[in-house]
Amino acid sequence: MCYSQRLYGWVMIRLLPPMPPLVFARFSNLSDAKSHSQALKQLMPHAKFLIFFDVSLPIDQDESES
C-alpha cells in the first residue's frame, strides 16, 4: 500500500455482480465516507456499496518481521 492510500484508509466499494467488487473511492475518515454513501443512495437507489477500513499489509512485508 503506498503512502497516499495509507492517508485514506476508509474504502468504499461498489458491488457489481457477477463482476468483482470495484474500489469506488477512498476517504480519510468514516464520516466523509458515510456522507458520500448517503448522497450516492439518493442518486442510485438500487446500487450496493460497502464501506470498510483497509488494513492490508504491504506485499513485501513478512508476518515474521513483526
PDB file of N, CA and C in Angstrom:
ATOM      1  N   MET A   1       0.855  -1.167   0.000  1.00  0.00           N
ATOM      2  CA  MET A   1       0.000   0.000   0.000  1.00  0.00           C
ATOM      3  C   MET A   1       0.904   1.235   0.000  1.00  0.00           C
ATOM      4  N   CYS A   2       0.677   2.143  -0.913  1.00  0.00           N
ATOM      5  CA  CYS A   2       1.517   3.333  -0.985  1.00  0.00           C
ATOM      6  C   CYS A   2       1.080   4.356   0.078  1.00  0.00           C
ATOM      7  N   TYR A   3       1.902   5.362   0.261  1.00  0.00           N
ATOM      8  CA  TYR A   3       1.676   6.349   1.317  1.00  0.00           C
ATOM      9  C   TYR A   3       0.335   7.062   1.169  1.00  0.00           C
ATOM     10  N   SER A   4      -0.043   7.430  -0.045  1.00  0.00           N
ATOM     11  CA  SER A   4      -1.309   8.141  -0.232  1.00  0.00           C
ATOM     12  C   SER A   4      -2.512   7.272   0.134  1.00  0.00           C
ATOM     13  N   GLN A   5      -2.406   5.954  -0.083  1.00  0.00           N
ATOM     14  CA  GLN A   5      -3.508   5.067   0.296  1.00  0.00           C
ATOM     15  C   GLN A   5      -3.593   4.924   1.809  1.00  0.00           C
ATOM     16  N   ARG A   6      -2.449   5.012   2.502  1.00  0.00           N
ATOM     17  CA  ARG A   6      -2.471   4.955   3.963  1.00  0.00           C
ATOM     18  C   ARG A   6      -3.169   6.169   4.554  1.00  0.00           C
ATOM     19  N   LEU A   7      -3.081   7.317   3.883  1.00  0.00           N
ATOM     20  CA  LEU A   7      -3.754   8.526   4.367  1.00  0.00           C
ATOM     21  C   LEU A   7      -5.266   8.414   4.252  1.00  0.00           C
ATOM     22  N   TYR A   8      -5.715   7.619   3.294  1.00  0.00           N
ATOM     23  CA  TYR A   8      -7.149   7.456   3.054  1.00  0.00           C
ATOM     24  C   TYR A   8      -7.516   5.992   3.296  1.00  0.00           C
ATOM     25  N   GLY A   9      -7.597   5.628   4.565  1.00  0.00           N
ATOM     26  CA  GLY A   9      -7.799   4.243   4.948  1.00  0.00           C
ATOM     27  C   GLY A   9      -9.211   3.716   4.758  1.00  0.00           C
ATOM     28  N   TRP A  10     -10.205   4.606   4.728  1.00  0.00           N
ATOM     29  CA  TRP A  10     -11.594   4.160   4.554  1.00  0.00           C
ATOM     30  C   TRP A  10     -11.877   3.991   3.074  1.00  0.00           C
ATOM     31  N   VAL A  11     -12.363   2.823   2.712  1.00  0.00           N
ATOM     32  CA  VAL A  11     -12.584   2.471   1.312  1.00  0.00           C
ATOM     33  C   VAL A  11     -14.062   2.210   1.072  1.00  0.00           C
ATOM     34  N   MET A  12     -14.567   2.727  -0.033  1.00  0.00           N
ATOM     35  CA  MET A  12     -15.935   2.430  -0.447  1.00  0.00           C
ATOM     36  C   MET A  12     -15.843   1.581  -1.703  1.00  0.00           C
ATOM     37  N   ILE A  13     -16.515   0.442  -1.685  1.00  0.00           N
ATOM     38  CA  ILE A  13     -16.547  -0.413  -2.871  1.00  0.00           C
ATOM     39  C   ILE A  13     -17.976  -0.522  -3.370  1.00  0.00           C
ATOM     40  N   ARG A  14     -18.095  -0.737  -4.653  1.00  0.00           N
ATOM     41  CA  ARG A  14     -19.409  -0.951  -5.252  1.00  0.00           C
ATOM     42  C   ARG A  14     -19.500  -2.400  -5.666  1.00  0.00           C
ATOM     43  N   LEU A  15     -20.598  -3.025  -5.300  1.00  0.00           N
ATOM     44  CA  LEU A  15     -20.841  -4.423  -5.657  1.00  0.00           C
ATOM     45  C   LEU A  15     -21.566  -4.467  -6.993  1.00  0.00           C
ATOM     46  N   LEU A  16     -20.935  -5.134  -7.945  1.00  0.00           N
ATOM     47  CA  LEU A  16     -21.477  -5.248  -9.295  1.00  0.00           C
ATOM     48  C   LEU A  16     -21.494  -6.713  -9.714  1.00  0.00           C
ATOM     49  N   PRO A  17     -22.441  -7.510  -9.192  1.00  0.00           N
ATOM     50  CA  PRO A  17     -22.456  -8.924  -9.557  1.00  0.00           C
ATOM     51  C   PRO A  17     -22.681  -9.083 -11.054  1.00  0.00           C
ATOM     52  N   PRO A  18     -22.078 -10.002 -11.697  1.00  0.00           N
ATOM     53  CA  PRO A  18     -21.168 -11.046 -11.251  1.00  0.00           C
ATOM     54  C   PRO A  18     -19.706 -10.632 -11.318  1.00  0.00           C
ATOM     55  N   MET A  19     -19.415  -9.355 -11.513  1.00  0.00           N
ATOM     56  CA  MET A  19     -18.035  -8.886 -11.580  1.00  0.00           C
ATOM     57  C   MET A  19     -17.457  -8.754 -10.172  1.00  0.00           C
ATOM     58  N   PRO A  20     -16.130  -8.696 -10.069  1.00  0.00           N
ATOM     59  CA  PRO A  20     -15.521  -8.498  -8.741  1.00  0.00           C
ATOM     60  C   PRO A  20     -15.847  -7.097  -8.216  1.00  0.00           C
ATOM     61  N   PRO A  21     -15.792  -6.912  -6.891  1.00  0.00           N
ATOM     62  CA  PRO A  21     -16.078  -5.584  -6.321  1.00  0.00           C
ATOM     63  C   PRO A  21     -15.115  -4.533  -6.862  1.00  0.00           C
ATOM     64  N   LEU A  22     -15.611  -3.314  -6.991  1.00  0.00           N
ATOM     65  CA  LEU A  22     -14.840  -2.213  -7.557  1.00  0.00           C
ATOM     66  C   LEU A  22     -14.572  -1.178  -6.470  1.00  0.00           C
ATOM     67  N   VAL A  23     -13.296  -0.842  -6.248  1.00  0.00           N
ATOM     68  CA  VAL A  23     -12.973   0.232  -5.299  1.00  0.00           C
ATOM     69  C   VAL A  23     -13.457   1.522  -5.925  1.00  0.00           C
ATOM     70  N   PHE A  24     -14.407   2.140  -5.261  1.00  0.00           N
ATOM     71  CA  PHE A  24     -15.078   3.303  -5.815  1.00  0.00           C
ATOM     72  C   PHE A  24     -14.429   4.601  -5.349  1.00  0.00           C
ATOM     73  N   ALA A  25     -14.052   4.658  -4.060  1.00  0.00           N
ATOM     74  CA  ALA A  25     -13.465   5.882  -3.512  1.00  0.00           C
ATOM     75  C   ALA A  25     -12.728   5.563  -2.220  1.00  0.00           C
ATOM     76  N   ARG A  26     -11.825   6.456  -1.826  1.00  0.00           N
ATOM     77  CA  ARG A  26     -11.095   6.348  -0.560  1.00  0.00           C
ATOM     78  C   ARG A  26     -11.308   7.631   0.221  1.00  0.00           C
ATOM     79  N   PHE A  27     -11.396   7.488   1.552  1.00  0.00           N
ATOM     80  CA  PHE A  27     -11.664   8.630   2.419  1.00  0.00           C
ATOM     81  C   PHE A  27     -10.735   8.606   3.614  1.00  0.00           C
ATOM     82  N   SER A  28     -10.476   9.779   4.168  1.00  0.00           N
ATOM     83  CA  SER A  28      -9.594   9.862   5.336  1.00  0.00           C
ATOM     84  C   SER A  28     -10.339   9.588   6.634  1.00  0.00           C
ATOM     85  N   ASN A  29     -11.658   9.765   6.637  1.00  0.00           N
ATOM     86  CA  ASN A  29     -12.409   9.460   7.858  1.00  0.00           C
ATOM     87  C   ASN A  29     -13.770   8.856   7.516  1.00  0.00           C
ATOM     88  N   LEU A  30     -14.340   8.195   8.498  1.00  0.00           N
ATOM     89  CA  LEU A  30     -15.587   7.453   8.292  1.00  0.00           C
ATOM     90  C   LEU A  30     -16.766   8.381   8.003  1.00  0.00           C
ATOM     91  N   SER A  31     -16.824   9.530   8.634  1.00  0.00           N
ATOM     92  CA  SER A  31     -17.972  10.416   8.427  1.00  0.00           C
ATOM     93  C   SER A  31     -18.038  10.921   6.981  1.00  0.00           C
ATOM     94  N   ASP A  32     -16.893  11.181   6.363  1.00  0.00           N
ATOM     95  CA  ASP A  32     -16.891  11.572   4.949  1.00  0.00           C
ATOM     96  C   ASP A  32     -17.405  10.436   4.070  1.00  0.00           C
ATOM     97  N   ALA A  33     -16.989   9.224   4.387  1.00  0.00           N
ATOM     98  CA  ALA A  33     -17.435   8.063   3.610  1.00  0.00           C
ATOM     99  C   ALA A  33     -18.943   7.858   3.738  1.00  0.00           C
ATOM    100  N   LYS A  34     -19.468   8.002   4.940  1.00  0.00           N
ATOM    101  CA  LYS A  34     -20.916   7.832   5.138  1.00  0.00           C
ATOM    102  C   LYS A  34     -21.707   8.925   4.432  1.00  0.00           C
ATOM    103  N   SER A  35     -21.220  10.151   4.481  1.00  0.00           N
ATOM    104  CA  SER A  35     -21.902  11.257   3.797  1.00  0.00           C
ATOM    105  C   SER A  35     -21.941  11.018   2.292  1.00  0.00           C
ATOM    106  N   HIS A  36     -20.838  10.573   1.751  1.00  0.00           N
ATOM    107  CA  HIS A  36     -20.769  10.278   0.320  1.00  0.00           C
ATOM    108  C   HIS A  36     -21.714   9.134  -0.033  1.00  0.00           C
ATOM    109  N   SER A  37     -21.778   8.143   0.834  1.00  0.00           N
ATOM    110  CA  SER A  37     -22.661   7.000   0.615  1.00  0.00           C
ATOM    111  C   SER A  37     -24.131   7.420   0.597  1.00  0.00           C
ATOM    112  N   GLN A  38     -24.501   8.315   1.497  1.00  0.00           N
ATOM    113  CA  GLN A  38     -25.893   8.787   1.536  1.00  0.00           C
ATOM    114  C   GLN A  38     -26.267   9.541   0.260  1.00  0.00           C
ATOM    115  N   ALA A  39     -25.340  10.352  -0.235  1.00  0.00           N
ATOM    116  CA  ALA A  39     -25.604  11.078  -1.478  1.00  0.00           C
ATOM    117  C   ALA A  39     -25.743  10.112  -2.657  1.00  0.00           C
ATOM    118  N   LEU A  40     -24.890   9.088  -2.686  1.00  0.00           N
ATOM    119  CA  LEU A  40     -24.971   8.107  -3.769  1.00  0.00           C
ATOM    120  C   LEU A  40     -26.263   7.305  -3.710  1.00  0.00           C
ATOM    121  N   LYS A  41     -26.752   7.013  -2.515  1.00  0.00           N
ATOM    122  CA  LYS A  41     -28.014   6.267  -2.377  1.00  0.00           C
ATOM    123  C   LYS A  41     -29.179   7.048  -2.973  1.00  0.00           C
ATOM    124  N   GLN A  42     -29.130   8.375  -2.879  1.00  0.00           N
ATOM    125  CA  GLN A  42     -30.190   9.189  -3.479  1.00  0.00           C
ATOM    126  C   GLN A  42     -30.089   9.197  -5.004  1.00  0.00           C
ATOM    127  N   LEU A  43     -28.854   9.185  -5.514  1.00  0.00           N
ATOM    128  CA  LEU A  43     -28.660   9.201  -6.960  1.00  0.00           C
ATOM    129  C   LEU A  43     -28.857   7.826  -7.591  1.00  0.00           C
ATOM    130  N   MET A  44     -28.434   6.778  -6.879  1.00  0.00           N
ATOM    131  CA  MET A  44     -28.522   5.406  -7.388  1.00  0.00           C
ATOM    132  C   MET A  44     -29.130   4.519  -6.306  1.00  0.00           C
ATOM    133  N   PRO A  45     -30.445   4.533  -6.146  1.00  0.00           N
ATOM    134  CA  PRO A  45     -31.071   3.814  -5.030  1.00  0.00           C
ATOM    135  C   PRO A  45     -30.905   2.296  -5.066  1.00  0.00           C
ATOM    136  N   HIS A  46     -30.668   1.716  -6.233  1.00  0.00           N
ATOM    137  CA  HIS A  46     -30.549   0.256  -6.319  1.00  0.00           C
ATOM    138  C   HIS A  46     -29.105  -0.228  -6.283  1.00  0.00           C
ATOM    139  N   ALA A  47     -28.147   0.683  -6.270  1.00  0.00           N
ATOM    140  CA  ALA A  47     -26.731   0.300  -6.217  1.00  0.00           C
ATOM    141  C   ALA A  47     -26.369  -0.135  -4.797  1.00  0.00           C
ATOM    142  N   LYS A  48     -25.400  -1.047  -4.687  1.00  0.00           N
ATOM    143  CA  LYS A  48     -24.957  -1.536  -3.386  1.00  0.00           C
ATOM    144  C   LYS A  48     -23.509  -1.130  -3.160  1.00  0.00           C
ATOM    145  N   PHE A  49     -23.279  -0.471  -2.025  1.00  0.00           N
ATOM    146  CA  PHE A  49     -21.953  -0.003  -1.653  1.00  0.00           C
ATOM    147  C   PHE A  49     -21.595  -0.532  -0.275  1.00  0.00           C
ATOM    148  N   LEU A  50     -20.312  -0.780  -0.059  1.00  0.00           N
ATOM    149  CA  LEU A  50     -19.804  -1.172   1.254  1.00  0.00           C
ATOM    150  C   LEU A  50     -18.682  -0.215   1.640  1.00  0.00           C
ATOM    151  N   ILE A  51     -18.612   0.091   2.929  1.00  0.00           N
ATOM    152  CA  ILE A  51     -17.542   0.929   3.462  1.00  0.00           C
ATOM    153  C   ILE A  51     -16.774   0.087   4.471  1.00  0.00           C
ATOM    154  N   PHE A  52     -15.459   0.091   4.360  1.00  0.00           N
ATOM    155  CA  PHE A  52     -14.657  -0.632   5.335  1.00  0.00           C
ATOM    156  C   PHE A  52     -13.305   0.041   5.485  1.00  0.00           C
ATOM    157  N   PHE A  53     -12.589  -0.313   6.545  1.00  0.00           N
ATOM    158  CA  PHE A  53     -11.255   0.215   6.792  1.00  0.00           C
ATOM    159  C   PHE A  53     -10.237  -0.750   6.226  1.00  0.00           C
ATOM    160  N   ASP A  54      -9.389  -0.280   5.345  1.00  0.00           N
ATOM    161  CA  ASP A  54      -8.398  -1.113   4.668  1.00  0.00           C
ATOM    162  C   ASP A  54      -7.160  -1.250   5.548  1.00  0.00           C
ATOM    163  N   VAL A  55      -6.935  -2.450   6.070  1.00  0.00           N
ATOM    164  CA  VAL A  55      -5.790  -2.702   6.949  1.00  0.00           C
ATOM    165  C   VAL A  55      -4.807  -3.670   6.301  1.00  0.00           C
ATOM    166  N   SER A  56      -4.779  -3.721   4.987  1.00  0.00           N
ATOM    167  CA  SER A  56      -3.900  -4.663   4.304  1.00  0.00           C
ATOM    168  C   SER A  56      -2.439  -4.309   4.534  1.00  0.00           C
ATOM    169  N   LEU A  57      -1.618  -5.356   4.610  1.00  0.00           N
ATOM    170  CA  LEU A  57      -0.187  -5.198   4.797  1.00  0.00           C
ATOM    171  C   LEU A  57       0.492  -5.016   3.449  1.00  0.00           C
ATOM    172  N   PRO A  58       1.609  -4.292   3.406  1.00  0.00           N
ATOM    173  CA  PRO A  58       2.350  -4.196   2.145  1.00  0.00           C
ATOM    174  C   PRO A  58       2.788  -5.585   1.682  1.00  0.00           C
ATOM    175  N   ILE A  59       2.872  -5.792   0.387  1.00  0.00           N
ATOM    176  CA  ILE A  59       3.202  -7.097  -0.170  1.00  0.00           C
ATOM    177  C   ILE A  59       4.595  -7.549   0.245  1.00  0.00           C
ATOM    178  N   ASP A  60       5.557  -6.635   0.317  1.00  0.00           N
ATOM    179  CA  ASP A  60       6.926  -7.008   0.627  1.00  0.00           C
ATOM    180  C   ASP A  60       7.191  -7.246   2.112  1.00  0.00           C
ATOM    181  N   GLN A  61       6.190  -7.032   2.961  1.00  0.00           N
ATOM    182  CA  GLN A  61       6.373  -7.213   4.404  1.00  0.00           C
ATOM    183  C   GLN A  61       5.972  -8.622   4.816  1.00  0.00           C
ATOM    184  N   ASP A  62       6.842  -9.302   5.528  1.00  0.00           N
ATOM    185  CA  ASP A  62       6.575 -10.654   6.041  1.00  0.00           C
ATOM    186  C   ASP A  62       5.891 -10.552   7.393  1.00  0.00           C
ATOM    187  N   GLU A  63       5.052 -11.512   7.714  1.00  0.00           N
ATOM    188  CA  GLU A  63       4.453 -11.544   9.042  1.00  0.00           C
ATOM    189  C   GLU A  63       5.499 -11.824  10.104  1.00  0.00           C
ATOM    190  N   SER A  64       6.591 -12.494   9.738  1.00  0.00           N
ATOM    191  CA  SER A  64       7.630 -12.844  10.699  1.00  0.00           C
ATOM    192  C   SER A  64       8.460 -11.637  11.115  1.00  0.00           C
ATOM    193  N   GLU A  65       8.399 -10.529  10.367  1.00  0.00           N
ATOM    194  CA  GLU A  65       9.147  -9.330  10.694  1.00  0.00           C
ATOM    195  C   GLU A  65       8.537  -8.562  11.837  1.00  0.00           C
ATOM    196  N   SER A  66       7.296  -8.808  12.175  1.00  0.00           N
ATOM    197  CA  SER A  66       6.579  -8.041  13.200  1.00  0.00           C
ATOM    198  C   SER A  66       7.154  -8.152  14.546  1.00  0.00           C
TER     199      SER A  66
END
